[in-house]
PDB file of N, CA and C in Angstrom:
ATOM      1  N   MET A   1     119.158  71.908  97.741  1.00  0.00           N
ATOM      2  CA  MET A   1     117.954  71.370  97.543  1.00  0.00           C
ATOM      3  C   MET A   1     117.508  71.140  98.851  1.00  0.00           C
ATOM      4  N   SER A   2     116.357  71.443  99.096  1.00  0.00           N
ATOM      5  CA  SER A   2     115.368  71.145 100.389  1.00  0.00           C
ATOM      6  C   SER A   2     114.587  70.129 100.201  1.00  0.00           C
ATOM      7  N   SER A   3     114.684  69.135 101.072  1.00  0.00           N
ATOM      8  CA  SER A   3     113.977  67.996 101.027  1.00  0.00           C
ATOM      9  C   SER A   3     112.530  68.447 101.992  1.00  0.00           C
ATOM     10  N   PRO A   4     111.386  67.805 101.951  1.00  0.00           N
ATOM     11  CA  PRO A   4     110.425  67.840 102.649  1.00  0.00           C
ATOM     12  C   PRO A   4     110.482  67.955 104.102  1.00  0.00           C
ATOM     13  N   VAL A   5     111.278  67.014 104.496  1.00  0.00           N
ATOM     14  CA  VAL A   5     112.028  66.899 105.873  1.00  0.00           C
ATOM     15  C   VAL A   5     112.193  68.248 106.560  1.00  0.00           C
ATOM     16  N   THR A   6     113.387  68.811 105.521  1.00  0.00           N
ATOM     17  CA  THR A   6     114.071  69.842 106.146  1.00  0.00           C
ATOM     18  C   THR A   6     113.163  71.060 106.150  1.00  0.00           C
ATOM     19  N   VAL A   7     112.152  71.253 105.320  1.00  0.00           N
ATOM     20  CA  VAL A   7     111.288  72.291 105.422  1.00  0.00           C
ATOM     21  C   VAL A   7     110.340  72.085 106.439  1.00  0.00           C
ATOM     22  N   TRP A   8     109.896  71.121 106.761  1.00  0.00           N
ATOM     23  CA  TRP A   8     109.099  70.710 107.965  1.00  0.00           C
ATOM     24  C   TRP A   8     109.671  71.087 109.290  1.00  0.00           C
ATOM     25  N   ARG A   9     111.006  70.576 109.204  1.00  0.00           N
ATOM     26  CA  ARG A   9     111.703  71.118 110.533  1.00  0.00           C
ATOM     27  C   ARG A   9     111.778  72.444 110.565  1.00  0.00           C
ATOM     28  N   HIS A  10     112.056  73.145 109.466  1.00  0.00           N
ATOM     29  CA  HIS A  10     112.018  74.841 109.743  1.00  0.00           C
ATOM     30  C   HIS A  10     110.885  75.163 109.954  1.00  0.00           C
ATOM     31  N   HIS A  11     109.786  74.768 109.979  1.00  0.00           N
ATOM     32  CA  HIS A  11     108.457  75.339 110.258  1.00  0.00           C
ATOM     33  C   HIS A  11     107.522  74.654 111.340  1.00  0.00           C
ATOM     34  N   GLN A  12     108.218  73.897 112.409  1.00  0.00           N
ATOM     35  CA  GLN A  12     107.650  73.267 113.447  1.00  0.00           C
ATOM     36  C   GLN A  12     107.211  74.126 114.199  1.00  0.00           C
ATOM     37  N   ASN A  13     107.570  75.398 114.371  1.00  0.00           N
ATOM     38  CA  ASN A  13     107.248  76.409 115.469  1.00  0.00           C
ATOM     39  C   ASN A  13     106.144  77.136 114.953  1.00  0.00           C
ATOM     40  N   ILE A  14     105.655  76.797 113.755  1.00  0.00           N
ATOM     41  CA  ILE A  14     104.363  77.627 113.127  1.00  0.00           C
ATOM     42  C   ILE A  14     103.287  77.708 113.988  1.00  0.00           C
ATOM     43  N   ARG A  15     102.895  76.526 114.719  1.00  0.00           N
ATOM     44  CA  ARG A  15     101.859  76.256 115.333  1.00  0.00           C
ATOM     45  C   ARG A  15     101.789  77.342 116.612  1.00  0.00           C
ATOM     46  N   ASN A  16     102.950  77.588 117.066  1.00  0.00           N
ATOM     47  CA  ASN A  16     103.083  78.632 118.192  1.00  0.00           C
ATOM     48  C   ASN A  16     102.455  80.038 118.060  1.00  0.00           C
ATOM     49  N   TYR A  17     102.359  80.351 116.479  1.00  0.00           N
ATOM     50  CA  TYR A  17     102.125  81.567 116.237  1.00  0.00           C
ATOM     51  C   TYR A  17     100.632  81.680 115.732  1.00  0.00           C
ATOM     52  N   LEU A  18     100.214  80.499 115.332  1.00  0.00           N
ATOM     53  CA  LEU A  18      98.918  80.157 114.316  1.00  0.00           C
ATOM     54  C   LEU A  18      97.750  80.839 115.476  1.00  0.00           C
ATOM     55  N   GLY A  19      96.869  81.454 115.048  1.00  0.00           N
ATOM     56  CA  GLY A  19      95.664  81.993 115.657  1.00  0.00           C
ATOM     57  C   GLY A  19      95.972  82.930 116.557  1.00  0.00           C
ATOM     58  N   LYS A  20      97.014  83.722 116.709  1.00  0.00           N
ATOM     59  CA  LYS A  20      97.361  84.703 117.974  1.00  0.00           C
ATOM     60  C   LYS A  20      96.722  86.064 117.177  1.00  0.00           C
ATOM     61  N   THR A  21      96.339  86.912 118.340  1.00  0.00           N
ATOM     62  CA  THR A  21      95.718  88.003 117.915  1.00  0.00           C
ATOM     63  C   THR A  21      96.594  89.272 118.304  1.00  0.00           C
ATOM     64  N   GLY A  22      96.625  90.293 117.639  1.00  0.00           N
ATOM     65  CA  GLY A  22      97.446  91.371 117.751  1.00  0.00           C
ATOM     66  C   GLY A  22      96.738  92.702 117.106  1.00  0.00           C
ATOM     67  N   LYS A  23      97.899  93.686 117.046  1.00  0.00           N
ATOM     68  CA  LYS A  23      97.569  94.822 116.535  1.00  0.00           C
ATOM     69  C   LYS A  23      98.485  95.321 115.472  1.00  0.00           C
ATOM     70  N   ILE A  24      98.261  96.168 114.500  1.00  0.00           N
ATOM     71  CA  ILE A  24      99.303  96.670 113.541  1.00  0.00           C
ATOM     72  C   ILE A  24      99.910  97.756 114.342  1.00  0.00           C
ATOM     73  N   ILE A  25     101.103  97.979 114.256  1.00  0.00           N
ATOM     74  CA  ILE A  25     101.820  99.041 114.916  1.00  0.00           C
ATOM     75  C   ILE A  25     102.061 100.123 113.798  1.00  0.00           C
ATOM     76  N   VAL A  26     102.876  99.476 112.741  1.00  0.00           N
ATOM     77  CA  VAL A  26     103.070 100.414 111.528  1.00  0.00           C
ATOM     78  C   VAL A  26     103.084  99.546 110.286  1.00  0.00           C
ATOM     79  N   TRP A  27     102.854 100.167 109.104  1.00  0.00           N
ATOM     80  CA  TRP A  27     102.998  99.197 107.956  1.00  0.00           C
ATOM     81  C   TRP A  27     103.353  99.911 106.722  1.00  0.00           C
ATOM     82  N   THR A  28     103.818  99.375 105.736  1.00  0.00           N
ATOM     83  CA  THR A  28     104.222  99.861 104.358  1.00  0.00           C
ATOM     84  C   THR A  28     103.699  98.880 103.418  1.00  0.00           C
ATOM     85  N   LYS A  29     103.942  99.217 102.375  1.00  0.00           N
ATOM     86  CA  LYS A  29     103.566  98.444 100.954  1.00  0.00           C
ATOM     87  C   LYS A  29     105.152  98.183 100.137  1.00  0.00           C
ATOM     88  N   VAL A  30     105.004  96.679  99.862  1.00  0.00           N
ATOM     89  CA  VAL A  30     106.213  96.470  98.932  1.00  0.00           C
ATOM     90  C   VAL A  30     105.973  96.586  97.510  1.00  0.00           C
ATOM     91  N   PHE A  31     106.438  97.642  97.027  1.00  0.00           N
ATOM     92  CA  PHE A  31     106.408  97.712  95.359  1.00  0.00           C
ATOM     93  C   PHE A  31     107.255  96.816  94.530  1.00  0.00           C
ATOM     94  N   ILE A  32     108.350  96.883  94.920  1.00  0.00           N
ATOM     95  CA  ILE A  32     109.688  95.876  94.260  1.00  0.00           C
ATOM     96  C   ILE A  32     109.800  94.724  95.113  1.00  0.00           C
ATOM     97  N   ALA A  33     109.433  93.664  94.934  1.00  0.00           N
ATOM     98  CA  ALA A  33     109.215  92.459  95.734  1.00  0.00           C
ATOM     99  C   ALA A  33     110.763  91.652  95.243  1.00  0.00           C
ATOM    100  N   PRO A  34     111.151  90.956  96.263  1.00  0.00           N
ATOM    101  CA  PRO A  34     112.421  90.113  96.097  1.00  0.00           C
ATOM    102  C   PRO A  34     112.032  88.961  94.932  1.00  0.00           C
ATOM    103  N   ALA A  35     112.855  88.407  94.456  1.00  0.00           N
ATOM    104  CA  ALA A  35     112.778  87.256  93.658  1.00  0.00           C
ATOM    105  C   ALA A  35     111.845  86.192  94.176  1.00  0.00           C
ATOM    106  N   GLY A  36     111.016  85.623  93.128  1.00  0.00           N
ATOM    107  CA  GLY A  36     110.047  84.810  93.700  1.00  0.00           C
ATOM    108  C   GLY A  36     108.781  85.251  94.346  1.00  0.00           C
ATOM    109  N   PHE A  37     108.811  86.590  94.271  1.00  0.00           N
ATOM    110  CA  PHE A  37     107.429  87.407  95.116  1.00  0.00           C
ATOM    111  C   PHE A  37     107.042  88.426  94.203  1.00  0.00           C
ATOM    112  N   GLU A  38     107.572  88.433  92.865  1.00  0.00           N
ATOM    113  CA  GLU A  38     107.266  89.502  91.821  1.00  0.00           C
ATOM    114  C   GLU A  38     105.797  89.556  91.805  1.00  0.00           C
ATOM    115  N   HIS A  39     105.059  88.398  91.718  1.00  0.00           N
ATOM    116  CA  HIS A  39     103.691  88.107  91.244  1.00  0.00           C
ATOM    117  C   HIS A  39     102.669  88.661  92.376  1.00  0.00           C
ATOM    118  N   GLU A  40     103.450  89.149  93.537  1.00  0.00           N
ATOM    119  CA  GLU A  40     102.470  89.521  94.616  1.00  0.00           C
ATOM    120  C   GLU A  40     102.881  90.796  94.693  1.00  0.00           C
ATOM    121  N   ALA A  41     103.489  91.718  94.223  1.00  0.00           N
ATOM    122  CA  ALA A  41     103.733  93.028  94.308  1.00  0.00           C
ATOM    123  C   ALA A  41     102.511  93.872  93.752  1.00  0.00           C
ATOM    124  N   PRO A  42     101.893  95.059  94.154  1.00  0.00           N
ATOM    125  CA  PRO A  42     102.462  95.498  95.528  1.00  0.00           C
ATOM    126  C   PRO A  42     101.647  94.712  96.636  1.00  0.00           C
ATOM    127  N   TYR A  43     102.307  94.501  97.714  1.00  0.00           N
ATOM    128  CA  TYR A  43     101.752  93.986  99.044  1.00  0.00           C
ATOM    129  C   TYR A  43     101.902  94.789 100.362  1.00  0.00           C
ATOM    130  N   PRO A  44     100.988  94.579 101.198  1.00  0.00           N
ATOM    131  CA  PRO A  44     101.317  95.160 102.310  1.00  0.00           C
ATOM    132  C   PRO A  44     102.129  94.588 103.439  1.00  0.00           C
ATOM    133  N   VAL A  45     103.147  95.073 104.232  1.00  0.00           N
ATOM    134  CA  VAL A  45     103.593  94.349 105.465  1.00  0.00           C
ATOM    135  C   VAL A  45     103.689  95.215 106.564  1.00  0.00           C
ATOM    136  N   ALA A  46     103.414  94.518 107.931  1.00  0.00           N
ATOM    137  CA  ALA A  46     103.275  95.328 108.869  1.00  0.00           C
ATOM    138  C   ALA A  46     104.009  94.889 110.080  1.00  0.00           C
ATOM    139  N   ILE A  47     104.491  95.542 110.974  1.00  0.00           N
ATOM    140  CA  ILE A  47     104.989  95.283 112.358  1.00  0.00           C
ATOM    141  C   ILE A  47     103.751  95.106 113.326  1.00  0.00           C
ATOM    142  N   VAL A  48     103.640  93.712 113.726  1.00  0.00           N
ATOM    143  CA  VAL A  48     102.594  93.459 114.373  1.00  0.00           C
ATOM    144  C   VAL A  48     103.026  93.227 115.818  1.00  0.00           C
ATOM    145  N   GLU A  49     102.178  93.852 116.880  1.00  0.00           N
ATOM    146  CA  GLU A  49     102.327  93.529 118.271  1.00  0.00           C
ATOM    147  C   GLU A  49     101.446  92.696 118.674  1.00  0.00           C
ATOM    148  N   PHE A  50     101.714  91.449 119.598  1.00  0.00           N
ATOM    149  CA  PHE A  50     100.747  90.513 120.081  1.00  0.00           C
ATOM    150  C   PHE A  50     100.441  90.898 121.409  1.00  0.00           C
ATOM    151  N   LYS A  51      99.560  90.281 121.940  1.00  0.00           N
ATOM    152  CA  LYS A  51      99.066  90.561 123.414  1.00  0.00           C
ATOM    153  C   LYS A  51     100.369  90.457 124.301  1.00  0.00           C
ATOM    154  N   ASP A  52     101.276  89.759 124.294  1.00  0.00           N
ATOM    155  CA  ASP A  52     102.220  89.408 125.179  1.00  0.00           C
ATOM    156  C   ASP A  52     103.793  90.546 124.856  1.00  0.00           C
ATOM    157  N   GLY A  53     103.388  91.583 123.897  1.00  0.00           N
ATOM    158  CA  GLY A  53     104.199  92.444 123.697  1.00  0.00           C
ATOM    159  C   GLY A  53     105.152  92.195 122.570  1.00  0.00           C
ATOM    160  N   PHE A  54     105.220  90.701 122.298  1.00  0.00           N
ATOM    161  CA  PHE A  54     106.081  90.479 121.109  1.00  0.00           C
ATOM    162  C   PHE A  54     105.734  90.987 119.746  1.00  0.00           C
ATOM    163  N   ARG A  55     106.900  91.656 118.857  1.00  0.00           N
ATOM    164  CA  ARG A  55     106.653  92.067 117.843  1.00  0.00           C
ATOM    165  C   ARG A  55     107.154  91.447 116.720  1.00  0.00           C
ATOM    166  N   MET A  56     106.478  91.609 115.579  1.00  0.00           N
ATOM    167  CA  MET A  56     107.088  90.664 114.525  1.00  0.00           C
ATOM    168  C   MET A  56     106.446  91.134 113.049  1.00  0.00           C
ATOM    169  N   PRO A  57     107.498  90.996 112.166  1.00  0.00           N
ATOM    170  CA  PRO A  57     106.878  91.665 110.818  1.00  0.00           C
ATOM    171  C   PRO A  57     106.167  90.691 109.928  1.00  0.00           C
ATOM    172  N   LEU A  58     105.311  90.709 109.566  1.00  0.00           N
ATOM    173  CA  LEU A  58     104.176  89.701 108.752  1.00  0.00           C
ATOM    174  C   LEU A  58     103.552  90.497 107.606  1.00  0.00           C
ATOM    175  N   GLN A  59     103.191  89.821 106.448  1.00  0.00           N
ATOM    176  CA  GLN A  59     102.764  90.158 105.345  1.00  0.00           C
ATOM    177  C   GLN A  59     101.265  90.037 105.621  1.00  0.00           C
ATOM    178  N   LEU A  60     100.413  91.016 105.334  1.00  0.00           N
ATOM    179  CA  LEU A  60      98.911  91.041 105.482  1.00  0.00           C
ATOM    180  C   LEU A  60      98.357  90.586 104.119  1.00  0.00           C
ATOM    181  N   VAL A  61      97.246  89.669 104.645  1.00  0.00           N
ATOM    182  CA  VAL A  61      96.485  89.010 103.515  1.00  0.00           C
ATOM    183  C   VAL A  61      94.763  89.388 103.704  1.00  0.00           C
ATOM    184  N   GLU A  62      94.036  89.167 102.809  1.00  0.00           N
ATOM    185  CA  GLU A  62      92.613  89.280 102.834  1.00  0.00           C
ATOM    186  C   GLU A  62      92.205  90.833 103.580  1.00  0.00           C
ATOM    187  N   TYR A  63      92.804  91.725 102.916  1.00  0.00           N
ATOM    188  CA  TYR A  63      92.714  93.053 103.544  1.00  0.00           C
ATOM    189  C   TYR A  63      92.153  93.967 102.433  1.00  0.00           C
ATOM    190  N   GLY A  64      91.489  95.024 103.004  1.00  0.00           N
ATOM    191  CA  GLY A  64      90.949  96.197 102.312  1.00  0.00           C
ATOM    192  C   GLY A  64      91.977  97.378 102.521  1.00  0.00           C
ATOM    193  N   GLU A  65      91.767  98.536 101.665  1.00  0.00           N
ATOM    194  CA  GLU A  65      92.537  99.830 102.070  1.00  0.00           C
ATOM    195  C   GLU A  65      92.135 100.402 103.379  1.00  0.00           C
ATOM    196  N   LYS A  66      90.914 100.216 103.878  1.00  0.00           N
ATOM    197  CA  LYS A  66      90.498 100.630 105.413  1.00  0.00           C
ATOM    198  C   LYS A  66      91.327  99.639 106.360  1.00  0.00           C
ATOM    199  N   ASP A  67      91.791  98.745 106.041  1.00  0.00           N
ATOM    200  CA  ASP A  67      92.379  97.973 107.063  1.00  0.00           C
ATOM    201  C   ASP A  67      93.749  98.398 107.478  1.00  0.00           C
ATOM    202  N   LEU A  68      94.358  99.027 106.404  1.00  0.00           N
ATOM    203  CA  LEU A  68      95.753  99.558 106.467  1.00  0.00           C
ATOM    204  C   LEU A  68      95.979 100.689 107.279  1.00  0.00           C
ATOM    205  N   LYS A  69      95.997 100.505 108.750  1.00  0.00           N
ATOM    206  CA  LYS A  69      96.017 101.423 109.961  1.00  0.00           C
ATOM    207  C   LYS A  69      96.477 101.225 111.114  1.00  0.00           C
ATOM    208  N   PRO A  70      97.268 102.014 111.748  1.00  0.00           N
ATOM    209  CA  PRO A  70      97.756 101.686 112.951  1.00  0.00           C
ATOM    210  C   PRO A  70      96.522 101.091 113.963  1.00  0.00           C
ATOM    211  N   ASN A  71      96.874 100.248 114.885  1.00  0.00           N
ATOM    212  CA  ASN A  71      96.045  99.745 115.964  1.00  0.00           C
ATOM    213  C   ASN A  71      94.889  98.797 115.329  1.00  0.00           C
ATOM    214  N   ARG A  72      95.006  98.732 114.094  1.00  0.00           N
ATOM    215  CA  ARG A  72      93.646  97.461 113.367  1.00  0.00           C
ATOM    216  C   ARG A  72      94.324  96.123 114.281  1.00  0.00           C
ATOM    217  N   ARG A  73      93.253  95.261 114.431  1.00  0.00           N
ATOM    218  CA  ARG A  73      93.249  94.085 115.128  1.00  0.00           C
ATOM    219  C   ARG A  73      93.519  93.247 113.861  1.00  0.00           C
ATOM    220  N   ILE A  74      94.413  92.295 114.285  1.00  0.00           N
ATOM    221  CA  ILE A  74      94.811  90.980 113.161  1.00  0.00           C
ATOM    222  C   ILE A  74      94.712  89.868 113.926  1.00  0.00           C
ATOM    223  N   ILE A  75      94.731  88.556 113.274  1.00  0.00           N
ATOM    224  CA  ILE A  75      94.921  87.166 113.595  1.00  0.00           C
ATOM    225  C   ILE A  75      95.554  86.704 112.817  1.00  0.00           C
ATOM    226  N   THR A  76      96.870  85.499 113.133  1.00  0.00           N
ATOM    227  CA  THR A  76      97.894  85.274 112.472  1.00  0.00           C
ATOM    228  C   THR A  76      97.172  84.035 111.827  1.00  0.00           C
ATOM    229  N   VAL A  77      97.752  83.767 110.447  1.00  0.00           N
ATOM    230  CA  VAL A  77      97.063  82.500 109.623  1.00  0.00           C
ATOM    231  C   VAL A  77      98.156  81.850 108.942  1.00  0.00           C
ATOM    232  N   VAL A  78      97.928  80.806 108.616  1.00  0.00           N
ATOM    233  CA  VAL A  78      98.779  80.059 107.781  1.00  0.00           C
ATOM    234  C   VAL A  78      98.535  80.236 106.105  1.00  0.00           C
ATOM    235  N   ARG A  79      99.541  80.526 105.258  1.00  0.00           N
ATOM    236  CA  ARG A  79      99.382  80.893 103.833  1.00  0.00           C
ATOM    237  C   ARG A  79     100.407  80.257 103.322  1.00  0.00           C
ATOM    238  N   LYS A  80     100.362  79.627 102.100  1.00  0.00           N
ATOM    239  CA  LYS A  80     101.336  79.379 101.350  1.00  0.00           C
ATOM    240  C   LYS A  80     102.370  80.465 100.982  1.00  0.00           C
ATOM    241  N   LEU A  81     103.734  80.097 101.002  1.00  0.00           N
ATOM    242  CA  LEU A  81     104.648  81.155 100.748  1.00  0.00           C
ATOM    243  C   LEU A  81     105.287  80.878  99.270  1.00  0.00           C
ATOM    244  N   GLY A  82     105.467  79.717  98.861  1.00  0.00           N
ATOM    245  CA  GLY A  82     105.995  79.475  97.503  1.00  0.00           C
ATOM    246  C   GLY A  82     106.363  78.147  97.425  1.00  0.00           C
ATOM    247  N   LYS A  83     107.254  77.688  96.652  1.00  0.00           N
ATOM    248  CA  LYS A  83     107.786  76.280  96.290  1.00  0.00           C
ATOM    249  C   LYS A  83     109.357  76.306  96.440  1.00  0.00           C
ATOM    250  N   VAL A  84     109.746  75.423  96.985  1.00  0.00           N
ATOM    251  CA  VAL A  84     111.257  75.514  97.360  1.00  0.00           C
ATOM    252  C   VAL A  84     112.040  74.205  96.618  1.00  0.00           C
ATOM    253  N   GLY A  85     113.106  74.676  96.055  1.00  0.00           N
ATOM    254  CA  GLY A  85     114.125  73.473  95.635  1.00  0.00           C
ATOM    255  C   GLY A  85     113.341  73.073  94.161  1.00  0.00           C
ATOM    256  N   LEU A  86     114.345  71.974  93.821  1.00  0.00           N
ATOM    257  CA  LEU A  86     113.854  71.264  92.459  1.00  0.00           C
ATOM    258  C   LEU A  86     112.860  70.470  92.513  1.00  0.00           C
ATOM    259  N   ASP A  87     112.353  70.068  93.656  1.00  0.00           N
ATOM    260  CA  ASP A  87     111.272  69.003  93.991  1.00  0.00           C
ATOM    261  C   ASP A  87     110.002  69.940  94.133  1.00  0.00           C
ATOM    262  N   GLU A  88     110.183  71.071  94.045  1.00  0.00           N
ATOM    263  CA  GLU A  88     109.004  72.170  94.171  1.00  0.00           C
ATOM    264  C   GLU A  88     108.068  71.683  95.384  1.00  0.00           C
ATOM    265  N   VAL A  89     108.623  71.727  96.696  1.00  0.00           N
ATOM    266  CA  VAL A  89     107.919  71.463  97.828  1.00  0.00           C
ATOM    267  C   VAL A  89     107.370  72.751  98.189  1.00  0.00           C
ATOM    268  N   ILE A  90     106.134  72.599  98.508  1.00  0.00           N
ATOM    269  CA  ILE A  90     105.357  73.848  98.706  1.00  0.00           C
ATOM    270  C   ILE A  90     105.786  74.129 100.378  1.00  0.00           C
ATOM    271  N   GLU A  91     106.116  75.364 100.491  1.00  0.00           N
ATOM    272  CA  GLU A  91     106.309  76.013 101.870  1.00  0.00           C
ATOM    273  C   GLU A  91     105.322  76.661 102.295  1.00  0.00           C
ATOM    274  N   TYR A  92     104.996  76.772 103.810  1.00  0.00           N
ATOM    275  CA  TYR A  92     103.988  77.650 104.093  1.00  0.00           C
ATOM    276  C   TYR A  92     104.307  78.471 105.388  1.00  0.00           C
ATOM    277  N   GLY A  93     103.835  79.527 105.535  1.00  0.00           N
ATOM    278  CA  GLY A  93     104.420  80.440 106.657  1.00  0.00           C
ATOM    279  C   GLY A  93     103.193  81.273 107.280  1.00  0.00           C
ATOM    280  N   ILE A  94     103.456  81.878 108.433  1.00  0.00           N
ATOM    281  CA  ILE A  94     102.502  82.583 109.127  1.00  0.00           C
ATOM    282  C   ILE A  94     102.081  84.261 108.396  1.00  0.00           C
ATOM    283  N   LYS A  95     101.142  84.611 108.142  1.00  0.00           N
ATOM    284  CA  LYS A  95     100.990  85.905 107.642  1.00  0.00           C
ATOM    285  C   LYS A  95      99.715  86.637 108.543  1.00  0.00           C
ATOM    286  N   ALA A  96      99.493  87.680 108.319  1.00  0.00           N
ATOM    287  CA  ALA A  96      98.431  88.494 109.111  1.00  0.00           C
ATOM    288  C   ALA A  96      97.141  88.896 108.332  1.00  0.00           C
ATOM    289  N   LYS A  97      95.871  88.736 109.113  1.00  0.00           N
ATOM    290  CA  LYS A  97      94.737  88.791 108.558  1.00  0.00           C
ATOM    291  C   LYS A  97      93.916  89.916 109.379  1.00  0.00           C
ATOM    292  N   PRO A  98      93.516  90.932 108.844  1.00  0.00           N
ATOM    293  CA  PRO A  98      92.699  91.740 109.629  1.00  0.00           C
ATOM    294  C   PRO A  98      91.324  91.180 110.107  1.00  0.00           C
ATOM    295  N   ILE A  99      91.130  91.286 111.570  1.00  0.00           N
ATOM    296  CA  ILE A  99      89.615  90.839 111.969  1.00  0.00           C
ATOM    297  C   ILE A  99      88.807  92.031 112.365  1.00  0.00           C
TER     298      ILE A  99
END
């Protein structure tokens, strides 16, 4: 079981990624989602490269089909990931939004 404090500790570094801009290097769509994410399928996931050269896989949100292409600029945003544990603590994480 995850307590709210444990969830918070695991997400302290979210602010380091919030609002960063970058570009899509490559993307794909997930059609068979892992447990807990079935309701979101299909959804796009991209390898994003930030201005400092760091790369990270992120789910894309608020996108259109025209946004799914290499070199498309993105900005990182905080979005709900789901609920954790018996207490159903809401967990948030970083996702990418086309700009």
